[in-house]
Amino acid sequence: MGNTLWLVKTTLPDSWREFEVTSFAQTLVESGAACVQHHKVSSTYKWEGQIQSETEWALQIKVSESNKQSVISKIEEEHPYDVPQIVIHECDASQGYTEWVNSQ
């Protein structure tokens, strides 16, 4: 199995209050995520031909291989954006942390 885990990143609207972001994060943990961290970020992107700059909530989600698809499916199902950011990275981590993530 090695020391590999998955890191999934997404964003949520700045209009969401922290308790709403925390509720979304708890839903992801209930779907199999080991840990969800969130903080505010500034995003610049092009949408419908216009350059936009917005403050958003960034979520960093740690998940095992066995729970990855259920967490991604939950993001797709619950996310308020038409096209949610879902970026997935395979990561090496310390043995103890990887074992913990994989035990969730």
PDB file of N, CA and C in Angstrom:
ATOM      1  N   MET A   1       0.818  -1.195   0.000  1.00  0.00           N
ATOM      2  CA  MET A   1       0.000   0.000   0.000  1.00  0.00           C
ATOM      3  C   MET A   1       0.861   1.258   0.000  1.00  0.00           C
ATOM      4  N   GLY A   2       2.017   1.245   0.614  1.00  0.00           N
ATOM      5  CA  GLY A   2       2.892   2.399   0.630  1.00  0.00           C
ATOM      6  C   GLY A   2       2.364   3.511   1.515  1.00  0.00           C
ATOM      7  N   ASN A   3       2.892   4.694   1.279  1.00  0.00           N
ATOM      8  CA  ASN A   3       2.497   5.865   2.055  1.00  0.00           C
ATOM      9  C   ASN A   3       1.759   6.852   1.172  1.00  0.00           C
ATOM     10  N   THR A   4       0.811   6.369   0.385  1.00  0.00           N
ATOM     11  CA  THR A   4       0.087   7.197  -0.576  1.00  0.00           C
ATOM     12  C   THR A   4      -1.320   7.494  -0.089  1.00  0.00           C
ATOM     13  N   LEU A   5      -1.718   8.747  -0.246  1.00  0.00           N
ATOM     14  CA  LEU A   5      -3.087   9.159   0.005  1.00  0.00           C
ATOM     15  C   LEU A   5      -3.487  10.115  -1.105  1.00  0.00           C
ATOM     16  N   TRP A   6      -4.734  10.512  -1.103  1.00  0.00           N
ATOM     17  CA  TRP A   6      -5.256  11.407  -2.131  1.00  0.00           C
ATOM     18  C   TRP A   6      -5.634  12.738  -1.514  1.00  0.00           C
ATOM     19  N   LEU A   7      -5.290  13.815  -2.214  1.00  0.00           N
ATOM     20  CA  LEU A   7      -5.628  15.174  -1.817  1.00  0.00           C
ATOM     21  C   LEU A   7      -6.582  15.721  -2.866  1.00  0.00           C
ATOM     22  N   VAL A   8      -7.782  16.076  -2.449  1.00  0.00           N
ATOM     23  CA  VAL A   8      -8.794  16.621  -3.346  1.00  0.00           C
ATOM     24  C   VAL A   8      -8.990  18.078  -2.961  1.00  0.00           C
ATOM     25  N   LYS A   9      -9.005  18.949  -3.958  1.00  0.00           N
ATOM     26  CA  LYS A   9      -9.212  20.377  -3.702  1.00  0.00           C
ATOM     27  C   LYS A   9     -10.474  20.850  -4.407  1.00  0.00           C
ATOM     28  N   THR A  10     -11.205  21.717  -3.712  1.00  0.00           N
ATOM     29  CA  THR A  10     -12.369  22.364  -4.299  1.00  0.00           C
ATOM     30  C   THR A  10     -12.508  23.744  -3.680  1.00  0.00           C
ATOM     31  N   THR A  11     -13.438  24.531  -4.185  1.00  0.00           N
ATOM     32  CA  THR A  11     -13.728  25.843  -3.629  1.00  0.00           C
ATOM     33  C   THR A  11     -15.228  25.985  -3.422  1.00  0.00           C
ATOM     34  N   LEU A  12     -15.593  26.895  -2.539  1.00  0.00           N
ATOM     35  CA  LEU A  12     -16.986  27.229  -2.276  1.00  0.00           C
ATOM     36  C   LEU A  12     -17.137  28.751  -2.293  1.00  0.00           C
ATOM     37  N   PRO A  13     -18.351  29.243  -2.500  1.00  0.00           N
ATOM     38  CA  PRO A  13     -18.548  30.686  -2.601  1.00  0.00           C
ATOM     39  C   PRO A  13     -18.236  31.429  -1.296  1.00  0.00           C
ATOM     40  N   ASP A  14     -17.704  32.636  -1.451  1.00  0.00           N
ATOM     41  CA  ASP A  14     -17.411  33.498  -0.319  1.00  0.00           C
ATOM     42  C   ASP A  14     -18.686  33.868   0.444  1.00  0.00           C
ATOM     43  N   SER A  15     -19.818  33.822  -0.244  1.00  0.00           N
ATOM     44  CA  SER A  15     -21.086  34.173   0.406  1.00  0.00           C
ATOM     45  C   SER A  15     -21.480  33.167   1.487  1.00  0.00           C
ATOM     46  N   TRP A  16     -20.889  31.976   1.436  1.00  0.00           N
ATOM     47  CA  TRP A  16     -21.167  30.983   2.474  1.00  0.00           C
ATOM     48  C   TRP A  16     -20.518  31.431   3.781  1.00  0.00           C
ATOM     49  N   ARG A  17     -21.247  31.295   4.864  1.00  0.00           N
ATOM     50  CA  ARG A  17     -20.682  31.581   6.175  1.00  0.00           C
ATOM     51  C   ARG A  17     -19.899  30.363   6.654  1.00  0.00           C
ATOM     52  N   GLU A  18     -19.027  30.604   7.617  1.00  0.00           N
ATOM     53  CA  GLU A  18     -18.129  29.528   8.043  1.00  0.00           C
ATOM     54  C   GLU A  18     -18.892  28.290   8.500  1.00  0.00           C
ATOM     55  N   PHE A  19     -20.016  28.448   9.162  1.00  0.00           N
ATOM     56  CA  PHE A  19     -20.748  27.267   9.618  1.00  0.00           C
ATOM     57  C   PHE A  19     -21.280  26.463   8.431  1.00  0.00           C
ATOM     58  N   GLU A  20     -21.581  27.118   7.299  1.00  0.00           N
ATOM     59  CA  GLU A  20     -22.042  26.395   6.114  1.00  0.00           C
ATOM     60  C   GLU A  20     -20.894  25.605   5.481  1.00  0.00           C
ATOM     61  N   VAL A  21     -19.703  26.218   5.467  1.00  0.00           N
ATOM     62  CA  VAL A  21     -18.520  25.525   4.945  1.00  0.00           C
ATOM     63  C   VAL A  21     -18.186  24.332   5.841  1.00  0.00           C
ATOM     64  N   THR A  22     -18.276  24.538   7.149  1.00  0.00           N
ATOM     65  CA  THR A  22     -18.015  23.446   8.090  1.00  0.00           C
ATOM     66  C   THR A  22     -19.026  22.321   7.914  1.00  0.00           C
ATOM     67  N   SER A  23     -20.274  22.663   7.678  1.00  0.00           N
ATOM     68  CA  SER A  23     -21.308  21.649   7.439  1.00  0.00           C
ATOM     69  C   SER A  23     -21.001  20.856   6.170  1.00  0.00           C
ATOM     70  N   PHE A  24     -20.573  21.550   5.098  1.00  0.00           N
ATOM     71  CA  PHE A  24     -20.182  20.883   3.852  1.00  0.00           C
ATOM     72  C   PHE A  24     -19.009  19.945   4.137  1.00  0.00           C
ATOM     73  N   ALA A  25     -18.023  20.421   4.902  1.00  0.00           N
ATOM     74  CA  ALA A  25     -16.857  19.603   5.249  1.00  0.00           C
ATOM     75  C   ALA A  25     -17.277  18.366   6.041  1.00  0.00           C
ATOM     76  N   GLN A  26     -18.200  18.526   6.970  1.00  0.00           N
ATOM     77  CA  GLN A  26     -18.674  17.381   7.758  1.00  0.00           C
ATOM     78  C   GLN A  26     -19.366  16.355   6.866  1.00  0.00           C
ATOM     79  N   THR A  27     -20.103  16.831   5.868  1.00  0.00           N
ATOM     80  CA  THR A  27     -20.735  15.924   4.905  1.00  0.00           C
ATOM     81  C   THR A  27     -19.681  15.106   4.173  1.00  0.00           C
ATOM     82  N   LEU A  28     -18.554  15.749   3.821  1.00  0.00           N
ATOM     83  CA  LEU A  28     -17.480  15.032   3.131  1.00  0.00           C
ATOM     84  C   LEU A  28     -16.822  14.008   4.049  1.00  0.00           C
ATOM     85  N   VAL A  29     -16.654  14.357   5.321  1.00  0.00           N
ATOM     86  CA  VAL A  29     -16.091  13.397   6.276  1.00  0.00           C
ATOM     87  C   VAL A  29     -17.042  12.210   6.439  1.00  0.00           C
ATOM     88  N   GLU A  30     -18.333  12.482   6.492  1.00  0.00           N
ATOM     89  CA  GLU A  30     -19.309  11.398   6.573  1.00  0.00           C
ATOM     90  C   GLU A  30     -19.289  10.522   5.321  1.00  0.00           C
ATOM     91  N   SER A  31     -18.814  11.079   4.193  1.00  0.00           N
ATOM     92  CA  SER A  31     -18.730  10.329   2.936  1.00  0.00           C
ATOM     93  C   SER A  31     -17.401   9.602   2.776  1.00  0.00           C
ATOM     94  N   GLY A  32     -16.488   9.758   3.758  1.00  0.00           N
ATOM     95  CA  GLY A  32     -15.235   9.011   3.712  1.00  0.00           C
ATOM     96  C   GLY A  32     -13.961   9.817   3.766  1.00  0.00           C
ATOM     97  N   ALA A  33     -14.040  11.148   3.724  1.00  0.00           N
ATOM     98  CA  ALA A  33     -12.825  11.960   3.853  1.00  0.00           C
ATOM     99  C   ALA A  33     -12.262  11.787   5.257  1.00  0.00           C
ATOM    100  N   ALA A  34     -10.941  11.779   5.368  1.00  0.00           N
ATOM    101  CA  ALA A  34     -10.313  11.693   6.679  1.00  0.00           C
ATOM    102  C   ALA A  34     -10.246  13.068   7.336  1.00  0.00           C
ATOM    103  N   CYS A  35      -9.995  14.101   6.538  1.00  0.00           N
ATOM    104  CA  CYS A  35      -9.791  15.437   7.071  1.00  0.00           C
ATOM    105  C   CYS A  35     -10.125  16.458   5.993  1.00  0.00           C
ATOM    106  N   VAL A  36     -10.764  17.555   6.382  1.00  0.00           N
ATOM    107  CA  VAL A  36     -11.047  18.653   5.469  1.00  0.00           C
ATOM    108  C   VAL A  36     -10.575  19.940   6.136  1.00  0.00           C
ATOM    109  N   GLN A  37      -9.698  20.660   5.472  1.00  0.00           N
ATOM    110  CA  GLN A  37      -9.252  21.968   5.945  1.00  0.00           C
ATOM    111  C   GLN A  37      -9.840  23.019   5.027  1.00  0.00           C
ATOM    112  N   HIS A  38     -10.195  24.185   5.595  1.00  0.00           N
ATOM    113  CA  HIS A  38     -10.735  25.250   4.761  1.00  0.00           C
ATOM    114  C   HIS A  38     -10.204  26.611   5.195  1.00  0.00           C
ATOM    115  N   HIS A  39     -10.071  27.475   4.213  1.00  0.00           N
ATOM    116  CA  HIS A  39      -9.615  28.851   4.447  1.00  0.00           C
ATOM    117  C   HIS A  39     -10.027  29.706   3.248  1.00  0.00           C
ATOM    118  N   LYS A  40      -9.962  31.013   3.410  1.00  0.00           N
ATOM    119  CA  LYS A  40     -10.320  31.934   2.330  1.00  0.00           C
ATOM    120  C   LYS A  40      -9.136  32.105   1.377  1.00  0.00           C
ATOM    121  N   VAL A  41      -9.453  32.219   0.081  1.00  0.00           N
ATOM    122  CA  VAL A  41      -8.447  32.479  -0.952  1.00  0.00           C
ATOM    123  C   VAL A  41      -9.016  33.491  -1.947  1.00  0.00           C
ATOM    124  N   SER A  42      -8.122  34.111  -2.703  1.00  0.00           N
ATOM    125  CA  SER A  42      -8.522  34.968  -3.820  1.00  0.00           C
ATOM    126  C   SER A  42      -8.326  34.180  -5.099  1.00  0.00           C
ATOM    127  N   SER A  43      -9.358  34.135  -5.941  1.00  0.00           N
ATOM    128  CA  SER A  43      -9.292  33.388  -7.196  1.00  0.00           C
ATOM    129  C   SER A  43      -9.523  34.341  -8.362  1.00  0.00           C
ATOM    130  N   THR A  44      -8.717  34.193  -9.405  1.00  0.00           N
ATOM    131  CA  THR A  44      -8.892  34.931 -10.651  1.00  0.00           C
ATOM    132  C   THR A  44      -9.047  33.913 -11.762  1.00  0.00           C
ATOM    133  N   TYR A  45     -10.108  34.062 -12.563  1.00  0.00           N
ATOM    134  CA  TYR A  45     -10.432  33.067 -13.579  1.00  0.00           C
ATOM    135  C   TYR A  45     -11.302  33.709 -14.645  1.00  0.00           C
ATOM    136  N   LYS A  46     -11.449  33.007 -15.760  1.00  0.00           N
ATOM    137  CA  LYS A  46     -12.333  33.468 -16.821  1.00  0.00           C
ATOM    138  C   LYS A  46     -13.605  32.633 -16.783  1.00  0.00           C
ATOM    139  N   TRP A  47     -14.766  33.304 -16.765  1.00  0.00           N
ATOM    140  CA  TRP A  47     -16.051  32.622 -16.755  1.00  0.00           C
ATOM    141  C   TRP A  47     -16.972  33.339 -17.729  1.00  0.00           C
ATOM    142  N   GLU A  48     -17.520  32.576 -18.662  1.00  0.00           N
ATOM    143  CA  GLU A  48     -18.415  33.102 -19.686  1.00  0.00           C
ATOM    144  C   GLU A  48     -17.802  34.311 -20.405  1.00  0.00           C
ATOM    145  N   GLY A  49     -16.504  34.188 -20.731  1.00  0.00           N
ATOM    146  CA  GLY A  49     -15.801  35.201 -21.505  1.00  0.00           C
ATOM    147  C   GLY A  49     -15.312  36.409 -20.718  1.00  0.00           C
ATOM    148  N   GLN A  50     -15.578  36.472 -19.433  1.00  0.00           N
ATOM    149  CA  GLN A  50     -15.181  37.609 -18.609  1.00  0.00           C
ATOM    150  C   GLN A  50     -14.186  37.167 -17.534  1.00  0.00           C
ATOM    151  N   ILE A  51     -13.168  38.004 -17.317  1.00  0.00           N
ATOM    152  CA  ILE A  51     -12.221  37.734 -16.236  1.00  0.00           C
ATOM    153  C   ILE A  51     -12.874  38.150 -14.924  1.00  0.00           C
ATOM    154  N   GLN A  52     -12.834  37.228 -13.974  1.00  0.00           N
ATOM    155  CA  GLN A  52     -13.439  37.433 -12.653  1.00  0.00           C
ATOM    156  C   GLN A  52     -12.361  37.353 -11.582  1.00  0.00           C
ATOM    157  N   SER A  53     -12.519  38.110 -10.535  1.00  0.00           N
ATOM    158  CA  SER A  53     -11.693  37.979  -9.326  1.00  0.00           C
ATOM    159  C   SER A  53     -12.634  37.913  -8.144  1.00  0.00           C
ATOM    160  N   GLU A  54     -12.532  36.855  -7.384  1.00  0.00           N
ATOM    161  CA  GLU A  54     -13.458  36.621  -6.273  1.00  0.00           C
ATOM    162  C   GLU A  54     -12.702  36.053  -5.081  1.00  0.00           C
ATOM    163  N   THR A  55     -13.227  36.317  -3.911  1.00  0.00           N
ATOM    164  CA  THR A  55     -12.783  35.606  -2.718  1.00  0.00           C
ATOM    165  C   THR A  55     -13.650  34.358  -2.607  1.00  0.00           C
ATOM    166  N   GLU A  56     -13.020  33.234  -2.299  1.00  0.00           N
ATOM    167  CA  GLU A  56     -13.729  31.968  -2.159  1.00  0.00           C
ATOM    168  C   GLU A  56     -13.195  31.248  -0.926  1.00  0.00           C
ATOM    169  N   TRP A  57     -13.884  30.212  -0.552  1.00  0.00           N
ATOM    170  CA  TRP A  57     -13.383  29.269   0.437  1.00  0.00           C
ATOM    171  C   TRP A  57     -12.650  28.157  -0.308  1.00  0.00           C
ATOM    172  N   ALA A  58     -11.414  27.868   0.078  1.00  0.00           N
ATOM    173  CA  ALA A  58     -10.665  26.738  -0.479  1.00  0.00           C
ATOM    174  C   ALA A  58     -10.761  25.574   0.499  1.00  0.00           C
ATOM    175  N   LEU A  59     -11.052  24.394  -0.032  1.00  0.00           N
ATOM    176  CA  LEU A  59     -11.099  23.182   0.789  1.00  0.00           C
ATOM    177  C   LEU A  59     -10.034  22.216   0.306  1.00  0.00           C
ATOM    178  N   GLN A  60      -9.295  21.676   1.247  1.00  0.00           N
ATOM    179  CA  GLN A  60      -8.282  20.666   0.983  1.00  0.00           C
ATOM    180  C   GLN A  60      -8.715  19.415   1.735  1.00  0.00           C
ATOM    181  N   ILE A  61      -8.960  18.351   0.979  1.00  0.00           N
ATOM    182  CA  ILE A  61      -9.583  17.146   1.515  1.00  0.00           C
ATOM    183  C   ILE A  61      -8.609  15.979   1.394  1.00  0.00           C
ATOM    184  N   LYS A  62      -8.289  15.330   2.511  1.00  0.00           N
ATOM    185  CA  LYS A  62      -7.437  14.149   2.491  1.00  0.00           C
ATOM    186  C   LYS A  62      -8.318  12.914   2.548  1.00  0.00           C
ATOM    187  N   VAL A  63      -8.034  11.965   1.645  1.00  0.00           N
ATOM    188  CA  VAL A  63      -8.898  10.795   1.530  1.00  0.00           C
ATOM    189  C   VAL A  63      -8.090   9.589   1.054  1.00  0.00           C
ATOM    190  N   SER A  64      -8.539   8.406   1.446  1.00  0.00           N
ATOM    191  CA  SER A  64      -7.903   7.165   0.997  1.00  0.00           C
ATOM    192  C   SER A  64      -8.370   6.813  -0.410  1.00  0.00           C
ATOM    193  N   GLU A  65      -7.634   5.928  -1.045  1.00  0.00           N
ATOM    194  CA  GLU A  65      -8.017   5.425  -2.372  1.00  0.00           C
ATOM    195  C   GLU A  65      -9.420   4.814  -2.318  1.00  0.00           C
ATOM    196  N   SER A  66      -9.692   4.052  -1.262  1.00  0.00           N
ATOM    197  CA  SER A  66     -10.977   3.344  -1.193  1.00  0.00           C
ATOM    198  C   SER A  66     -12.166   4.289  -1.008  1.00  0.00           C
ATOM    199  N   ASN A  67     -11.956   5.486  -0.475  1.00  0.00           N
ATOM    200  CA  ASN A  67     -13.049   6.435  -0.254  1.00  0.00           C
ATOM    201  C   ASN A  67     -13.058   7.601  -1.237  1.00  0.00           C
ATOM    202  N   LYS A  68     -12.071   7.636  -2.117  1.00  0.00           N
ATOM    203  CA  LYS A  68     -11.919   8.787  -3.020  1.00  0.00           C
ATOM    204  C   LYS A  68     -13.158   9.021  -3.873  1.00  0.00           C
ATOM    205  N   GLN A  69     -13.679   8.006  -4.521  1.00  0.00           N
ATOM    206  CA  GLN A  69     -14.804   8.211  -5.438  1.00  0.00           C
ATOM    207  C   GLN A  69     -16.067   8.644  -4.716  1.00  0.00           C
ATOM    208  N   SER A  70     -16.314   8.103  -3.530  1.00  0.00           N
ATOM    209  CA  SER A  70     -17.524   8.518  -2.803  1.00  0.00           C
ATOM    210  C   SER A  70     -17.440   9.981  -2.381  1.00  0.00           C
ATOM    211  N   VAL A  71     -16.251  10.449  -2.019  1.00  0.00           N
ATOM    212  CA  VAL A  71     -16.078  11.863  -1.652  1.00  0.00           C
ATOM    213  C   VAL A  71     -16.249  12.752  -2.876  1.00  0.00           C
ATOM    214  N   ILE A  72     -15.657  12.373  -3.997  1.00  0.00           N
ATOM    215  CA  ILE A  72     -15.802  13.158  -5.229  1.00  0.00           C
ATOM    216  C   ILE A  72     -17.264  13.198  -5.663  1.00  0.00           C
ATOM    217  N   SER A  73     -17.938  12.082  -5.583  1.00  0.00           N
ATOM    218  CA  SER A  73     -19.360  12.045  -5.942  1.00  0.00           C
ATOM    219  C   SER A  73     -20.179  12.967  -5.050  1.00  0.00           C
ATOM    220  N   LYS A  74     -19.860  13.010  -3.760  1.00  0.00           N
ATOM    221  CA  LYS A  74     -20.585  13.876  -2.835  1.00  0.00           C
ATOM    222  C   LYS A  74     -20.337  15.345  -3.169  1.00  0.00           C
ATOM    223  N   ILE A  75     -19.101  15.702  -3.541  1.00  0.00           N
ATOM    224  CA  ILE A  75     -18.809  17.078  -3.958  1.00  0.00           C
ATOM    225  C   ILE A  75     -19.664  17.428  -5.173  1.00  0.00           C
ATOM    226  N   GLU A  76     -19.655  16.548  -6.168  1.00  0.00           N
ATOM    227  CA  GLU A  76     -20.435  16.802  -7.393  1.00  0.00           C
ATOM    228  C   GLU A  76     -21.927  16.939  -7.087  1.00  0.00           C
ATOM    229  N   GLU A  77     -22.420  16.154  -6.169  1.00  0.00           N
ATOM    230  CA  GLU A  77     -23.841  16.144  -5.828  1.00  0.00           C
ATOM    231  C   GLU A  77     -24.268  17.385  -5.040  1.00  0.00           C
ATOM    232  N   GLU A  78     -23.428  17.842  -4.116  1.00  0.00           N
ATOM    233  CA  GLU A  78     -23.809  18.896  -3.174  1.00  0.00           C
ATOM    234  C   GLU A  78     -23.287  20.291  -3.535  1.00  0.00           C
ATOM    235  N   HIS A  79     -22.380  20.388  -4.481  1.00  0.00           N
ATOM    236  CA  HIS A  79     -21.693  21.655  -4.756  1.00  0.00           C
ATOM    237  C   HIS A  79     -22.627  22.668  -5.410  1.00  0.00           C
ATOM    238  N   PRO A  80     -22.540  23.952  -4.991  1.00  0.00           N
ATOM    239  CA  PRO A  80     -23.439  24.962  -5.551  1.00  0.00           C
ATOM    240  C   PRO A  80     -23.029  25.501  -6.921  1.00  0.00           C
ATOM    241  N   TYR A  81     -21.787  25.314  -7.339  1.00  0.00           N
ATOM    242  CA  TYR A  81     -21.330  25.856  -8.625  1.00  0.00           C
ATOM    243  C   TYR A  81     -21.791  24.974  -9.787  1.00  0.00           C
ATOM    244  N   ASP A  82     -22.017  25.591 -10.952  1.00  0.00           N
ATOM    245  CA  ASP A  82     -22.332  24.839 -12.168  1.00  0.00           C
ATOM    246  C   ASP A  82     -21.191  23.901 -12.537  1.00  0.00           C
ATOM    247  N   VAL A  83     -19.962  24.403 -12.416  1.00  0.00           N
ATOM    248  CA  VAL A  83     -18.763  23.621 -12.734  1.00  0.00           C
ATOM    249  C   VAL A  83     -17.819  23.722 -11.532  1.00  0.00           C
ATOM    250  N   PRO A  84     -17.970  22.836 -10.553  1.00  0.00           N
ATOM    251  CA  PRO A  84     -17.102  22.927  -9.374  1.00  0.00           C
ATOM    252  C   PRO A  84     -15.663  22.540  -9.692  1.00  0.00           C
ATOM    253  N   GLN A  85     -14.743  23.226  -9.042  1.00  0.00           N
ATOM    254  CA  GLN A  85     -13.337  22.822  -9.128  1.00  0.00           C
ATOM    255  C   GLN A  85     -13.192  21.522  -8.342  1.00  0.00           C
ATOM    256  N   ILE A  86     -12.702  20.499  -9.009  1.00  0.00           N
ATOM    257  CA  ILE A  86     -12.334  19.255  -8.336  1.00  0.00           C
ATOM    258  C   ILE A  86     -10.971  18.867  -8.895  1.00  0.00           C
ATOM    259  N   VAL A  87      -9.940  19.099  -8.095  1.00  0.00           N
ATOM    260  CA  VAL A  87      -8.561  18.794  -8.482  1.00  0.00           C
ATOM    261  C   VAL A  87      -8.079  17.697  -7.548  1.00  0.00           C
ATOM    262  N   ILE A  88      -7.507  16.641  -8.136  1.00  0.00           N
ATOM    263  CA  ILE A  88      -7.141  15.456  -7.372  1.00  0.00           C
ATOM    264  C   ILE A  88      -5.641  15.192  -7.541  1.00  0.00           C
ATOM    265  N   HIS A  89      -4.949  15.068  -6.407  1.00  0.00           N
ATOM    266  CA  HIS A  89      -3.510  14.783  -6.413  1.00  0.00           C
ATOM    267  C   HIS A  89      -3.246  13.508  -5.636  1.00  0.00           C
ATOM    268  N   GLU A  90      -2.390  12.664  -6.175  1.00  0.00           N
ATOM    269  CA  GLU A  90      -1.882  11.529  -5.414  1.00  0.00           C
ATOM    270  C   GLU A  90      -0.661  12.027  -4.665  1.00  0.00           C
ATOM    271  N   CYS A  91      -0.603  11.788  -3.350  1.00  0.00           N
ATOM    272  CA  CYS A  91       0.461  12.355  -2.520  1.00  0.00           C
ATOM    273  C   CYS A  91       1.146  11.287  -1.679  1.00  0.00           C
ATOM    274  N   ASP A  92       2.428  11.491  -1.464  1.00  0.00           N
ATOM    275  CA  ASP A  92       3.152  10.710  -0.471  1.00  0.00           C
ATOM    276  C   ASP A  92       3.015  11.433   0.855  1.00  0.00           C
ATOM    277  N   ALA A  93       2.905  10.681   1.930  1.00  0.00           N
ATOM    278  CA  ALA A  93       2.789  11.266   3.262  1.00  0.00           C
ATOM    279  C   ALA A  93       3.516  10.368   4.255  1.00  0.00           C
ATOM    280  N   SER A  94       3.650  10.853   5.469  1.00  0.00           N
ATOM    281  CA  SER A  94       4.307  10.043   6.490  1.00  0.00           C
ATOM    282  C   SER A  94       3.508   8.761   6.708  1.00  0.00           C
ATOM    283  N   GLN A  95       4.193   7.731   7.158  1.00  0.00           N
ATOM    284  CA  GLN A  95       3.550   6.438   7.330  1.00  0.00           C
ATOM    285  C   GLN A  95       2.393   6.517   8.319  1.00  0.00           C
ATOM    286  N   GLY A  96       2.616   7.165   9.453  1.00  0.00           N
ATOM    287  CA  GLY A  96       1.571   7.243  10.466  1.00  0.00           C
ATOM    288  C   GLY A  96       0.342   7.989   9.973  1.00  0.00           C
ATOM    289  N   TYR A  97       0.555   9.111   9.273  1.00  0.00           N
ATOM    290  CA  TYR A  97      -0.577   9.886   8.766  1.00  0.00           C
ATOM    291  C   TYR A  97      -1.328   9.100   7.690  1.00  0.00           C
ATOM    292  N   THR A  98      -0.584   8.453   6.790  1.00  0.00           N
ATOM    293  CA  THR A  98      -1.211   7.651   5.740  1.00  0.00           C
ATOM    294  C   THR A  98      -2.041   6.524   6.345  1.00  0.00           C
ATOM    295  N   GLU A  99      -1.506   5.865   7.360  1.00  0.00           N
ATOM    296  CA  GLU A  99      -2.260   4.787   8.014  1.00  0.00           C
ATOM    297  C   GLU A  99      -3.552   5.329   8.620  1.00  0.00           C
ATOM    298  N   TRP A 100      -3.469   6.522   9.236  1.00  0.00           N
ATOM    299  CA  TRP A 100      -4.672   7.128   9.806  1.00  0.00           C
ATOM    300  C   TRP A 100      -5.697   7.444   8.726  1.00  0.00           C
ATOM    301  N   VAL A 101      -5.255   8.091   7.625  1.00  0.00           N
ATOM    302  CA  VAL A 101      -6.172   8.419   6.516  1.00  0.00           C
ATOM    303  C   VAL A 101      -6.822   7.154   5.984  1.00  0.00           C
ATOM    304  N   ASN A 102      -6.025   6.114   5.793  1.00  0.00           N
ATOM    305  CA  ASN A 102      -6.547   4.863   5.243  1.00  0.00           C
ATOM    306  C   ASN A 102      -7.449   4.113   6.219  1.00  0.00           C
ATOM    307  N   SER A 103      -7.410   4.463   7.493  1.00  0.00           N
ATOM    308  CA  SER A 103      -8.271   3.789   8.466  1.00  0.00           C
ATOM    309  C   SER A 103      -9.642   4.437   8.572  1.00  0.00           C
ATOM    310  N   GLN A 104      -9.835   5.546   7.894  1.00  0.00           N
ATOM    311  CA  GLN A 104     -11.099   6.290   8.010  1.00  0.00           C
ATOM    312  C   GLN A 104     -12.130   5.754   7.029  1.00  0.00           C
TER     313      GLN A 104
END
